[in-house]
Amino acid sequence: MGRSRRTPRLDISWRENEVGHPRLAVVVPRYGQTVVCRNRLRRRLRDISRRRVLPTLAPLDLVIRSRASAYDADFEALARDLEQWAHTLSG
């Protein structure tokens, strides 16, 4: 069974996997935004995850779903949300 957590800008779900490394899925709903905005947000979330979060994680499947407020957030606010979540996993 998986677990989940909600931040002001993201919904994060995860569960352990047996492939030996973390896997990531990023979901960015439209919320009335343009495709350019959606792709920018998706790239930001993937970049933050790849560089700052995934290297610190145990093998798990991670799904990050953006909320409408994520479109207005800057890079560092998104990074802060993900890093704080990752910190709670490590205790």
C-alpha atoms as a PDB file:
ATOM      1  CA  MET A   1       0.000   0.000   0.000  1.00  0.00           C
ATOM      2  CA  GLY A   2       1.309   3.449  -0.850  1.00  0.00           C
ATOM      3  CA  ARG A   3       1.554   6.629   1.153  1.00  0.00           C
ATOM      4  CA  SER A   4       0.909  10.234   0.245  1.00  0.00           C
ATOM      5  CA  ARG A   5       1.510  13.753   1.437  1.00  0.00           C
ATOM      6  CA  ARG A   6       0.150  17.102   0.312  1.00  0.00           C
ATOM      7  CA  THR A   7       2.173  20.311   0.259  1.00  0.00           C
ATOM      8  CA  PRO A   8       0.833  23.760  -0.676  1.00  0.00           C
ATOM      9  CA  ARG A   9       1.891  23.204  -4.298  1.00  0.00           C
ATOM     10  CA  LEU A  10       2.213  19.426  -4.756  1.00  0.00           C
ATOM     11  CA  ASP A  11       0.544  16.091  -4.052  1.00  0.00           C
ATOM     12  CA  ILE A  12       3.231  13.455  -3.504  1.00  0.00           C
ATOM     13  CA  SER A  13       2.563   9.702  -3.451  1.00  0.00           C
ATOM     14  CA  TRP A  14       5.085   6.929  -3.008  1.00  0.00           C
ATOM     15  CA  ARG A  15       5.560   3.262  -2.264  1.00  0.00           C
ATOM     16  CA  GLU A  16       8.499   0.926  -2.089  1.00  0.00           C
ATOM     17  CA  ASN A  17       9.547  -0.874  -5.242  1.00  0.00           C
ATOM     18  CA  GLU A  18      11.662  -3.929  -5.936  1.00  0.00           C
ATOM     19  CA  VAL A  19      13.652  -2.706  -8.937  1.00  0.00           C
ATOM     20  CA  GLY A  20      16.519  -1.422  -6.794  1.00  0.00           C
ATOM     21  CA  HIS A  21      16.334   2.295  -7.639  1.00  0.00           C
ATOM     22  CA  PRO A  22      13.810   5.124  -7.335  1.00  0.00           C
ATOM     23  CA  ARG A  23      11.400   5.780 -10.216  1.00  0.00           C
ATOM     24  CA  LEU A  24       9.593   9.047 -10.898  1.00  0.00           C
ATOM     25  CA  ALA A  25       6.333  10.089 -12.551  1.00  0.00           C
ATOM     26  CA  VAL A  26       5.332  13.751 -12.871  1.00  0.00           C
ATOM     27  CA  VAL A  27       1.687  14.683 -13.473  1.00  0.00           C
ATOM     28  CA  VAL A  28       0.852  18.285 -14.378  1.00  0.00           C
ATOM     29  CA  PRO A  29      -2.880  18.898 -14.948  1.00  0.00           C
ATOM     30  CA  ARG A  30      -3.958  21.751 -17.204  1.00  0.00           C
ATOM     31  CA  TYR A  31      -5.809  23.960 -14.724  1.00  0.00           C
ATOM     32  CA  GLY A  32      -6.528  26.292 -17.656  1.00  0.00           C
ATOM     33  CA  GLN A  33      -2.840  26.945 -18.366  1.00  0.00           C
ATOM     34  CA  THR A  34      -1.088  26.884 -21.730  1.00  0.00           C
ATOM     35  CA  VAL A  35       0.996  23.960 -22.880  1.00  0.00           C
ATOM     36  CA  VAL A  36       4.115  26.133 -22.532  1.00  0.00           C
ATOM     37  CA  CYS A  37       3.373  26.723 -18.840  1.00  0.00           C
ATOM     38  CA  ARG A  38       2.601  23.036 -18.271  1.00  0.00           C
ATOM     39  CA  ASN A  39       5.835  21.899 -19.894  1.00  0.00           C
ATOM     40  CA  ARG A  40       7.881  24.477 -17.969  1.00  0.00           C
ATOM     41  CA  LEU A  41       6.427  23.264 -14.672  1.00  0.00           C
ATOM     42  CA  ARG A  42       6.973  19.622 -15.640  1.00  0.00           C
ATOM     43  CA  ARG A  43      10.624  20.342 -16.543  1.00  0.00           C
ATOM     44  CA  ARG A  44      11.175  22.166 -13.253  1.00  0.00           C
ATOM     45  CA  LEU A  45       9.746  19.310 -11.196  1.00  0.00           C
ATOM     46  CA  ARG A  46      11.778  16.702 -13.078  1.00  0.00           C
ATOM     47  CA  ASP A  47      14.970  18.730 -12.731  1.00  0.00           C
ATOM     48  CA  ILE A  48      14.514  19.275  -8.993  1.00  0.00           C
ATOM     49  CA  SER A  49      13.688  15.609  -8.484  1.00  0.00           C
ATOM     50  CA  ARG A  50      16.588  14.332 -10.574  1.00  0.00           C
ATOM     51  CA  ARG A  51      19.243  16.589  -9.046  1.00  0.00           C
ATOM     52  CA  ARG A  52      18.160  17.074  -5.440  1.00  0.00           C
ATOM     53  CA  VAL A  53      15.714  14.382  -4.363  1.00  0.00           C
ATOM     54  CA  LEU A  54      16.133  11.065  -6.181  1.00  0.00           C
ATOM     55  CA  PRO A  55      19.823  10.606  -5.288  1.00  0.00           C
ATOM     56  CA  THR A  56      18.889  10.628  -1.585  1.00  0.00           C
ATOM     57  CA  LEU A  57      15.991   8.157  -1.788  1.00  0.00           C
ATOM     58  CA  ALA A  58      15.710   4.459  -1.182  1.00  0.00           C
ATOM     59  CA  PRO A  59      14.146   2.373  -3.968  1.00  0.00           C
ATOM     60  CA  LEU A  60      10.594   3.639  -4.319  1.00  0.00           C
ATOM     61  CA  ASP A  61       8.044   4.684  -6.890  1.00  0.00           C
ATOM     62  CA  LEU A  62       7.344   8.391  -6.610  1.00  0.00           C
ATOM     63  CA  VAL A  63       4.431  10.257  -8.203  1.00  0.00           C
ATOM     64  CA  ILE A  64       4.428  14.053  -8.060  1.00  0.00           C
ATOM     65  CA  ARG A  65       1.175  15.744  -9.050  1.00  0.00           C
ATOM     66  CA  SER A  66       1.152  19.509  -9.249  1.00  0.00           C
ATOM     67  CA  ARG A  67      -1.637  21.569  -7.765  1.00  0.00           C
ATOM     68  CA  ALA A  68      -2.930  24.782  -9.359  1.00  0.00           C
ATOM     69  CA  SER A  69      -0.752  26.924  -7.068  1.00  0.00           C
ATOM     70  CA  ALA A  70       2.408  25.264  -8.452  1.00  0.00           C
ATOM     71  CA  TYR A  71       2.057  27.295 -11.657  1.00  0.00           C
ATOM     72  CA  ASP A  72       2.701  30.503  -9.699  1.00  0.00           C
ATOM     73  CA  ALA A  73       5.576  29.116  -7.618  1.00  0.00           C
ATOM     74  CA  ASP A  74       9.198  29.818  -8.395  1.00  0.00           C
ATOM     75  CA  PHE A  75      11.867  27.115  -8.750  1.00  0.00           C
ATOM     76  CA  GLU A  76      13.095  27.430  -5.164  1.00  0.00           C
ATOM     77  CA  ALA A  77       9.594  27.134  -3.662  1.00  0.00           C
ATOM     78  CA  LEU A  78       9.017  23.900  -5.579  1.00  0.00           C
ATOM     79  CA  ALA A  79      12.453  22.650  -4.548  1.00  0.00           C
ATOM     80  CA  ARG A  80      11.711  23.492  -0.912  1.00  0.00           C
ATOM     81  CA  ASP A  81       8.477  21.464  -1.005  1.00  0.00           C
ATOM     82  CA  LEU A  82      10.211  18.401  -2.440  1.00  0.00           C
ATOM     83  CA  GLU A  83      13.278  18.659  -0.210  1.00  0.00           C
ATOM     84  CA  GLN A  84      11.154  18.996   2.931  1.00  0.00           C
ATOM     85  CA  TRP A  85       9.193  15.917   1.907  1.00  0.00           C
ATOM     86  CA  ALA A  86      12.404  13.955   1.283  1.00  0.00           C
ATOM     87  CA  HIS A  87      13.754  15.064   4.661  1.00  0.00           C
ATOM     88  CA  THR A  88      10.685  13.642   6.436  1.00  0.00           C
ATOM     89  CA  LEU A  89      11.391  10.250   4.858  1.00  0.00           C
ATOM     90  CA  SER A  90      14.909  10.112   6.232  1.00  0.00           C
ATOM     91  CA  GLY A  91      13.639  10.865   9.728  1.00  0.00           C
END
